[in-house]
Amino acid sequence: MSTPWLHVLIPVYGRPELLAETLDSVRGLAGSGVPVTVVDDASPDGDVEDLVGAYPGIEYRRNDVNLGVAGNFNHCAELSTGDYTVLLGSDDLLLASYADVVHRLVSSFARPAMAMASVRVVDVHGMPARPLADRAKGWVAPRGAERLLSGQSLARSLLLGNWLYFPAIAWRTDLLRAFPFRPEQRSAMDLDVELRLVFAGHGLAWSPEVAACYRRHDHSVSSTEAAQGARFAEERAISRWAAEQATARGWSAAARAARLRPLSRLHAASVAIPRTLRSPAGSGPLWAHALGR
């Protein structure tokens, strides 16, 4: 059998309330020959398996032991049978045009390390949403026609603010395995892999066409980690590392962006301000991320 060009894997744990909507969104892909696999990270009950069983053509796999977020992502990369791999969040959605958009990107730009269609941000009810974090992403995201981004310009834009949406990225599978997610990270691990790929000379093919929906809600991992400050600690550490990498390559603009990290600071401040109003004593670490070096 020939290798499929794309494999969509959905890492899950526990009882994802919105997983049925995610599976509905990829039902058409599974029916068109693109493998779709749900990888259950040893959830303590059988709810996920029962739900996936109602979707013919979508594969269910269960890990023998819990691998954690990064561990399960890396396991998904190993399980992938496609030239490209999508790690779709269990609450996010792919539109019917997603495969066509990404296939056009990887064909037009000679198998880039990453390919991403643009996204529509939605709330828990599936309605369009534009919180501050996503409005800020729009300030640094590219505009115009489809193109390949790489080198210092891509590194600089990601360090000003990570405008990529992880569930909408198709990763070249061989490179995703060569640049695995770090197990000590939880919420900014995508930025870490993206930057390591860019510093290694790889690029991103990007399209302005919206072909996925990214879900913003209070119980997502990214929102929880941001509220607790863990996300900003990871972003701060990654930015320090990236500044060193950029400086070593003579990428002065990227190094400056890494030191400034303006959107990460803005996001931290936007979380710190309401917390300060509620409980000033508990907001210190968030302000450290917003104001510190």
Protein backbone atom coordinates (compact mmCIF):
# COMPACT_ATOMS: atom_id res chain seq x y z
CA MET A 1 0.00 0.00 0.00
CA SER A 2 1.24 3.51 -0.80
CA THR A 3 1.99 5.92 2.01
CA PRO A 4 -0.82 8.45 2.54
CA TRP A 5 0.26 12.05 2.16
CA LEU A 6 -1.52 13.09 5.39
CA HIS A 7 -2.46 11.45 8.68
CA VAL A 8 -4.61 13.27 11.25
CA LEU A 9 -4.05 12.14 14.83
CA ILE A 10 -6.11 13.37 17.79
CA PRO A 11 -4.37 12.93 21.17
CA VAL A 12 -6.88 12.80 24.01
CA TYR A 13 -7.09 12.19 27.74
CA GLY A 14 -10.06 11.95 30.05
CA ARG A 15 -13.51 12.97 28.84
CA PRO A 16 -13.13 15.64 26.14
CA GLU A 17 -16.57 17.26 26.09
CA LEU A 18 -16.19 18.57 22.55
CA LEU A 19 -14.55 15.52 20.97
CA ALA A 20 -17.75 14.55 19.12
CA GLU A 21 -17.67 17.90 17.27
CA THR A 22 -14.01 17.33 16.40
CA LEU A 23 -14.78 13.86 15.05
CA ASP A 24 -17.70 15.22 13.05
CA SER A 25 -15.32 17.71 11.43
CA VAL A 26 -12.90 15.01 10.24
CA ARG A 27 -15.46 12.38 9.27
CA GLY A 28 -15.18 13.48 5.64
CA LEU A 29 -11.38 13.23 5.68
CA ALA A 30 -11.56 9.67 7.00
CA GLY A 31 -13.99 8.82 4.22
CA SER A 32 -11.69 10.26 1.55
CA GLY A 33 -8.69 8.07 2.36
CA VAL A 34 -6.88 10.31 4.88
CA PRO A 35 -6.23 8.21 8.01
CA VAL A 36 -7.72 9.65 11.21
CA THR A 37 -6.63 8.15 14.54
CA VAL A 38 -7.65 9.01 18.09
CA VAL A 39 -4.82 8.24 20.51
CA ASP A 40 -6.14 7.85 24.05
CA ASP A 41 -3.43 8.47 26.64
CA ALA A 42 -4.62 5.75 29.06
CA SER A 43 -7.76 7.57 30.17
CA PRO A 44 -9.25 6.12 33.38
CA ASP A 45 -12.58 5.21 31.74
CA GLY A 46 -13.88 3.92 28.44
CA ASP A 47 -15.82 6.98 27.30
CA VAL A 48 -13.42 7.88 24.48
CA GLU A 49 -13.41 4.39 22.98
CA ASP A 50 -17.20 4.23 23.08
CA LEU A 51 -17.49 7.59 21.34
CA VAL A 52 -14.95 6.82 18.61
CA GLY A 53 -16.71 3.50 17.98
CA ALA A 54 -19.67 5.47 16.64
CA TYR A 55 -17.49 6.85 13.81
CA PRO A 56 -16.73 4.19 11.17
CA GLY A 57 -13.39 4.76 9.50
CA ILE A 58 -11.83 6.58 12.46
CA GLU A 59 -9.27 4.45 14.28
CA TYR A 60 -9.00 4.23 18.08
CA ARG A 61 -5.75 3.46 19.85
CA ARG A 62 -5.10 3.41 23.58
CA ASN A 63 -1.69 3.79 25.22
CA ASP A 64 -0.76 1.10 27.75
CA VAL A 65 0.43 3.77 30.19
CA ASN A 66 -0.11 7.51 30.46
CA LEU A 67 2.64 9.29 28.52
CA GLY A 68 1.71 12.89 29.35
CA VAL A 69 1.08 15.67 26.86
CA ALA A 70 4.48 15.78 25.16
CA GLY A 71 4.90 12.02 25.38
CA ASN A 72 1.60 11.39 23.66
CA PHE A 73 2.36 13.96 20.96
CA ASN A 74 5.67 12.21 20.25
CA HIS A 75 3.93 8.84 20.26
CA CYS A 76 1.43 10.18 17.72
CA ALA A 77 4.33 11.23 15.50
CA GLU A 78 5.71 7.70 15.67
CA LEU A 79 2.30 6.20 14.87
CA SER A 80 1.74 8.46 11.87
CA THR A 81 1.73 6.69 8.51
CA GLY A 82 1.57 9.90 6.48
CA ASP A 83 4.21 12.08 4.87
CA TYR A 84 2.60 14.87 6.90
CA THR A 85 1.06 14.72 10.35
CA VAL A 86 -1.62 16.85 11.97
CA LEU A 87 -1.95 16.77 15.76
CA LEU A 88 -5.51 17.99 16.12
CA GLY A 89 -6.80 19.13 19.49
CA SER A 90 -9.76 17.19 20.85
CA ASP A 91 -11.83 20.39 20.82
CA ASP A 92 -10.65 21.91 17.52
CA LEU A 93 -12.14 21.54 14.05
CA LEU A 94 -10.91 21.03 10.49
CA LEU A 95 -13.06 22.49 7.73
CA ALA A 96 -13.90 20.53 4.59
CA SER A 97 -11.29 22.50 2.63
CA TYR A 98 -8.41 21.76 5.00
CA ALA A 99 -6.83 18.84 3.10
CA ASP A 100 -7.01 20.68 -0.22
CA VAL A 101 -5.39 23.84 1.19
CA VAL A 102 -2.55 21.98 2.88
CA HIS A 103 -1.96 19.69 -0.09
CA ARG A 104 -1.63 22.76 -2.30
CA LEU A 105 0.90 24.26 0.11
CA VAL A 106 3.13 21.19 0.40
CA SER A 107 3.03 20.67 -3.37
CA SER A 108 3.73 24.30 -4.26
CA PHE A 109 6.60 24.82 -1.82
CA ALA A 110 8.61 21.60 -2.16
CA ARG A 111 7.70 19.71 1.02
CA PRO A 112 8.24 22.37 3.71
CA ALA A 113 8.74 21.37 7.34
CA MET A 114 5.39 22.91 8.27
CA ALA A 115 2.28 23.96 6.38
CA MET A 116 -0.56 25.93 7.95
CA ALA A 117 -3.93 27.13 6.77
CA SER A 118 -5.39 30.12 8.56
CA VAL A 119 -7.94 29.57 11.33
CA ARG A 120 -11.18 30.95 12.66
CA VAL A 121 -11.14 31.30 16.45
CA VAL A 122 -14.35 30.11 18.10
CA ASP A 123 -15.67 29.85 21.63
CA VAL A 124 -16.99 26.81 23.46
CA HIS A 125 -20.27 27.12 21.56
CA GLY A 126 -18.58 27.34 18.17
CA MET A 127 -19.31 31.05 17.77
CA PRO A 128 -16.62 33.41 16.41
CA ALA A 129 -14.43 34.86 19.17
CA ARG A 130 -11.63 37.42 19.17
CA PRO A 131 -10.04 37.63 22.61
CA LEU A 132 -7.02 39.87 23.10
CA ALA A 133 -4.50 37.06 22.57
CA ASP A 134 -5.88 36.33 19.13
CA ARG A 135 -6.25 39.97 18.12
CA ALA A 136 -2.59 40.39 19.05
CA LYS A 137 -1.60 37.38 16.91
CA GLY A 138 -3.16 39.19 13.97
CA TRP A 139 -0.76 42.11 14.46
CA VAL A 140 2.29 39.97 13.65
CA ALA A 141 0.79 37.29 11.37
CA PRO A 142 1.56 37.51 7.64
CA ARG A 143 -0.86 39.00 5.16
CA GLY A 144 -1.32 38.61 1.44
CA ALA A 145 -0.83 35.60 -0.79
CA GLU A 146 0.31 32.07 0.06
CA ARG A 147 4.05 31.90 0.53
CA LEU A 148 7.00 30.13 2.13
CA LEU A 149 8.40 31.77 5.27
CA SER A 150 11.84 30.94 6.65
CA GLY A 151 15.03 32.23 8.18
CA GLN A 152 15.37 35.33 10.30
CA SER A 153 12.09 36.88 9.15
CA LEU A 154 10.09 33.83 10.32
CA ALA A 155 12.05 33.54 13.57
CA ARG A 156 11.52 37.25 14.29
CA SER A 157 7.78 37.09 13.68
CA LEU A 158 7.36 34.04 15.95
CA LEU A 159 9.43 35.68 18.69
CA LEU A 160 7.44 38.89 18.53
CA GLY A 161 4.43 36.66 19.16
CA ASN A 162 3.63 33.10 18.19
CA TRP A 163 0.92 33.67 15.60
CA LEU A 164 0.74 30.01 14.55
CA TYR A 165 -2.15 27.77 15.63
CA PHE A 166 -0.78 24.36 16.57
CA PRO A 167 -3.82 22.18 15.62
CA ALA A 168 -3.88 23.68 12.10
CA ILE A 169 -0.24 22.85 11.34
CA ALA A 170 0.66 19.91 9.11
CA TRP A 171 4.15 18.78 10.12
CA ARG A 172 6.49 16.86 7.85
CA THR A 173 6.51 13.57 9.72
CA ASP A 174 10.22 12.77 9.40
CA LEU A 175 11.13 16.18 10.85
CA LEU A 176 8.54 15.98 13.60
CA ARG A 177 10.20 12.76 14.72
CA ALA A 178 13.67 14.33 14.46
CA PHE A 179 12.61 17.37 16.52
CA PRO A 180 10.44 15.84 19.25
CA PHE A 181 8.43 17.74 21.82
CA ARG A 182 10.24 18.25 25.10
CA PRO A 183 8.64 16.32 27.99
CA GLU A 184 9.25 19.11 30.51
CA GLN A 185 7.02 21.49 28.54
CA ARG A 186 3.22 21.57 28.42
CA SER A 187 1.84 24.72 26.83
CA ALA A 188 4.58 26.33 24.70
CA MET A 189 6.09 23.13 23.30
CA ASP A 190 4.85 23.98 19.83
CA LEU A 191 6.82 27.25 19.79
CA ASP A 192 9.92 25.37 20.89
CA VAL A 193 9.67 22.87 18.01
CA GLU A 194 8.79 25.58 15.49
CA LEU A 195 11.86 27.62 16.42
CA ARG A 196 14.19 24.63 16.47
CA LEU A 197 13.05 23.82 12.95
CA VAL A 198 13.55 27.41 11.79
CA PHE A 199 17.03 27.64 13.32
CA ALA A 200 17.87 24.35 11.59
CA GLY A 201 17.06 25.93 8.23
CA HIS A 202 13.49 24.73 7.67
CA GLY A 203 10.48 26.78 6.65
CA LEU A 204 6.72 27.15 6.91
CA ALA A 205 4.28 27.32 4.00
CA TRP A 206 1.35 29.54 4.94
CA SER A 207 -2.05 30.24 3.38
CA PRO A 208 -4.47 33.05 4.20
CA GLU A 209 -7.38 30.70 3.44
CA VAL A 210 -9.31 29.75 6.58
CA ALA A 211 -9.57 25.96 6.78
CA ALA A 212 -9.67 25.19 10.53
CA CYS A 213 -11.32 26.39 13.74
CA TYR A 214 -9.32 26.90 16.92
CA ARG A 215 -11.32 26.67 20.12
CA ARG A 216 -10.81 29.19 22.94
CA HIS A 217 -12.40 28.28 26.26
CA ASP A 218 -11.51 28.52 29.94
CA HIS A 219 -10.83 24.80 30.41
CA SER A 220 -8.37 24.25 27.56
CA VAL A 221 -4.78 23.39 28.45
CA SER A 222 -3.46 26.65 27.02
CA SER A 223 -5.97 28.78 28.96
CA THR A 224 -5.35 26.89 32.21
CA GLU A 225 -1.59 27.10 31.88
CA ALA A 226 -1.80 30.81 31.08
CA ALA A 227 -3.97 31.49 34.12
CA GLN A 228 -1.46 29.67 36.32
CA GLY A 229 1.53 31.42 34.72
CA ALA A 230 3.21 28.22 33.50
CA ARG A 231 2.78 29.14 29.85
CA PHE A 232 4.62 32.44 30.31
CA ALA A 233 7.47 30.78 32.18
CA GLU A 234 7.95 28.40 29.26
CA GLU A 235 7.76 31.21 26.70
CA ARG A 236 10.28 33.26 28.69
CA ALA A 237 12.77 30.37 28.80
CA ILE A 238 12.31 29.63 25.09
CA SER A 239 12.84 33.31 24.24
CA ARG A 240 16.11 33.40 26.17
CA TRP A 241 17.34 30.32 24.32
CA ALA A 242 16.19 31.74 21.00
CA ALA A 243 18.01 35.03 21.64
CA GLU A 244 21.24 33.07 22.05
CA GLN A 245 20.59 31.07 18.87
CA ALA A 246 19.75 34.17 16.87
CA THR A 247 22.78 36.07 18.14
CA ALA A 248 25.06 33.18 17.20
CA ARG A 249 23.71 33.35 13.63
CA GLY A 250 23.97 37.11 13.38
CA TRP A 251 20.18 37.46 13.27
CA SER A 252 20.08 40.71 15.20
CA ALA A 253 16.41 41.49 14.47
CA ALA A 254 15.32 38.05 15.68
CA ALA A 255 17.51 38.33 18.79
CA ARG A 256 15.96 41.71 19.59
CA ALA A 257 12.45 40.28 19.15
CA ALA A 258 13.35 37.41 21.51
CA ARG A 259 14.47 39.84 24.17
CA LEU A 260 11.38 42.02 23.76
CA ARG A 261 8.79 39.17 23.37
CA PRO A 262 6.05 41.84 23.30
CA LEU A 263 2.96 39.68 22.76
CA SER A 264 3.95 37.21 25.46
CA ARG A 265 4.38 40.14 27.88
CA LEU A 266 1.05 41.63 26.80
CA HIS A 267 -0.71 38.30 27.30
CA ALA A 268 0.84 37.90 30.76
CA ALA A 269 -0.22 41.43 31.70
CA SER A 270 -3.77 40.79 30.46
CA VAL A 271 -3.98 37.82 32.83
CA ALA A 272 -2.21 39.64 35.69
CA ILE A 273 -4.41 42.75 35.73
CA PRO A 274 -7.73 41.07 36.67
CA ARG A 275 -5.91 38.78 39.08
CA THR A 276 -4.29 41.82 40.73
CA LEU A 277 -7.69 43.40 41.18
CA ARG A 278 -8.99 40.24 42.84
CA SER A 279 -5.91 39.25 44.83
CA PRO A 280 -2.80 41.47 44.56
CA ALA A 281 -0.61 39.04 46.49
CA GLY A 282 -1.13 36.24 43.97
CA SER A 283 -0.24 38.14 40.82
CA GLY A 284 3.49 38.70 41.38
CA PRO A 285 4.78 35.84 39.18
CA LEU A 286 2.59 36.96 36.29
CA TRP A 287 3.94 40.50 36.50
CA ALA A 288 7.46 39.08 36.56
CA HIS A 289 6.77 37.46 33.18
CA ALA A 290 5.17 40.63 31.84
CA LEU A 291 7.88 43.01 32.98
CA GLY A 292 11.01 40.91 33.59
CA ARG A 293 13.82 40.08 31.20
